[in-house]
Amino acid sequence: MREKIHPKYEQTTITCVCGNVIETGSTRKDIKVEVCSKCHPFYTGGGQRFLDAGGRVDKFKKKYGLE
């Protein structure tokens, strides 16, 4: 590696608006984010959208007289 061209890699703190704090290493110091793995709907499962599959199946069966 060439000398004096690489950024300094150091310990940093990532802070989310939900209050979650993550300690990691980075070339940036004190990163602030809006969404993290603690509050993101994909990871928490709270905000994921699922289609009402049961209702759609019942509607199909009713439409074609399969019940």
C-alpha atoms as a PDB file:
ATOM      1  CA  MET A   1       0.000   0.000   0.000  1.00  0.00           C
ATOM      2  CA  ARG A   2       1.132   3.503  -0.719  1.00  0.00           C
ATOM      3  CA  GLU A   3       1.856   5.751   2.217  1.00  0.00           C
ATOM      4  CA  LYS A   4      -0.389   8.698   3.209  1.00  0.00           C
ATOM      5  CA  ILE A   5      -3.182   8.215   0.634  1.00  0.00           C
ATOM      6  CA  HIS A   6      -5.565   6.024   2.643  1.00  0.00           C
ATOM      7  CA  PRO A   7      -8.122   7.478   5.075  1.00  0.00           C
ATOM      8  CA  LYS A   8      -7.631   6.723   8.758  1.00  0.00           C
ATOM      9  CA  TYR A   9      -9.754   3.777   9.952  1.00  0.00           C
ATOM     10  CA  GLU A  10     -10.939   4.267  13.529  1.00  0.00           C
ATOM     11  CA  GLN A  11     -13.665   3.308  15.996  1.00  0.00           C
ATOM     12  CA  THR A  12     -16.904   5.211  15.430  1.00  0.00           C
ATOM     13  CA  THR A  13     -20.435   5.391  16.778  1.00  0.00           C
ATOM     14  CA  ILE A  14     -23.542   5.028  14.598  1.00  0.00           C
ATOM     15  CA  THR A  15     -26.603   6.633  16.191  1.00  0.00           C
ATOM     16  CA  CYS A  16     -30.161   6.059  14.962  1.00  0.00           C
ATOM     17  CA  VAL A  17     -33.095   8.396  15.583  1.00  0.00           C
ATOM     18  CA  CYS A  18     -34.801   5.552  17.508  1.00  0.00           C
ATOM     19  CA  GLY A  19     -31.974   5.725  20.069  1.00  0.00           C
ATOM     20  CA  ASN A  20     -30.060   2.613  19.027  1.00  0.00           C
ATOM     21  CA  VAL A  21     -26.269   3.052  19.219  1.00  0.00           C
ATOM     22  CA  ILE A  22     -23.885   0.786  17.302  1.00  0.00           C
ATOM     23  CA  GLU A  23     -20.118   0.741  17.854  1.00  0.00           C
ATOM     24  CA  THR A  24     -18.131  -0.149  14.734  1.00  0.00           C
ATOM     25  CA  GLY A  25     -15.124   0.817  12.687  1.00  0.00           C
ATOM     26  CA  SER A  26     -15.227   3.339   9.857  1.00  0.00           C
ATOM     27  CA  THR A  27     -13.323   6.092   8.121  1.00  0.00           C
ATOM     28  CA  ARG A  28     -16.041   8.549   9.213  1.00  0.00           C
ATOM     29  CA  LYS A  29     -16.581   9.760  12.747  1.00  0.00           C
ATOM     30  CA  ASP A  30     -19.965   9.717  14.548  1.00  0.00           C
ATOM     31  CA  ILE A  31     -22.510   8.719  11.896  1.00  0.00           C
ATOM     32  CA  LYS A  32     -26.201   9.567  12.380  1.00  0.00           C
ATOM     33  CA  VAL A  33     -28.834   7.520  10.530  1.00  0.00           C
ATOM     34  CA  GLU A  34     -32.641   7.635  10.289  1.00  0.00           C
ATOM     35  CA  VAL A  35     -33.292   3.874  10.144  1.00  0.00           C
ATOM     36  CA  CYS A  36     -31.332   0.973  11.627  1.00  0.00           C
ATOM     37  CA  SER A  37     -31.750  -2.795  11.915  1.00  0.00           C
ATOM     38  CA  LYS A  38     -33.578  -2.321  15.224  1.00  0.00           C
ATOM     39  CA  CYS A  39     -36.347  -0.081  13.849  1.00  0.00           C
ATOM     40  CA  HIS A  40     -36.503  -0.933  10.118  1.00  0.00           C
ATOM     41  CA  PRO A  41     -39.770  -2.712   9.186  1.00  0.00           C
ATOM     42  CA  PHE A  42     -37.966  -5.406   7.169  1.00  0.00           C
ATOM     43  CA  TYR A  43     -36.003  -6.582  10.218  1.00  0.00           C
ATOM     44  CA  THR A  44     -38.663  -6.007  12.884  1.00  0.00           C
ATOM     45  CA  GLY A  45     -41.531  -7.529  10.900  1.00  0.00           C
ATOM     46  CA  GLY A  46     -43.893  -4.890  12.228  1.00  0.00           C
ATOM     47  CA  GLY A  47     -44.402  -2.909   9.087  1.00  0.00           C
ATOM     48  CA  GLN A  48     -44.213  -5.520   6.399  1.00  0.00           C
ATOM     49  CA  ARG A  49     -47.156  -5.585   4.050  1.00  0.00           C
ATOM     50  CA  PHE A  50     -48.757  -8.932   3.414  1.00  0.00           C
ATOM     51  CA  LEU A  51     -51.657  -9.368   1.055  1.00  0.00           C
ATOM     52  CA  ASP A  52     -54.784 -10.857   2.494  1.00  0.00           C
ATOM     53  CA  ALA A  53     -54.207 -14.154   0.707  1.00  0.00           C
ATOM     54  CA  GLY A  54     -57.012 -15.906   2.542  1.00  0.00           C
ATOM     55  CA  GLY A  55     -59.548 -13.305   1.465  1.00  0.00           C
ATOM     56  CA  ARG A  56     -58.379 -13.453  -2.131  1.00  0.00           C
ATOM     57  CA  VAL A  57     -58.669 -17.248  -2.206  1.00  0.00           C
ATOM     58  CA  ASP A  58     -62.189 -17.100  -0.743  1.00  0.00           C
ATOM     59  CA  LYS A  59     -63.162 -14.479  -3.320  1.00  0.00           C
ATOM     60  CA  PHE A  60     -61.844 -16.708  -6.139  1.00  0.00           C
ATOM     61  CA  LYS A  61     -63.712 -19.761  -4.831  1.00  0.00           C
ATOM     62  CA  LYS A  62     -66.920 -17.789  -4.453  1.00  0.00           C
ATOM     63  CA  LYS A  63     -66.573 -16.323  -7.957  1.00  0.00           C
ATOM     64  CA  TYR A  64     -66.175 -19.720  -9.615  1.00  0.00           C
ATOM     65  CA  GLY A  65     -68.471 -21.676  -7.294  1.00  0.00           C
ATOM     66  CA  LEU A  66     -65.758 -23.930  -5.892  1.00  0.00           C
ATOM     67  CA  GLU A  67     -66.900 -23.833  -2.271  1.00  0.00           C
END
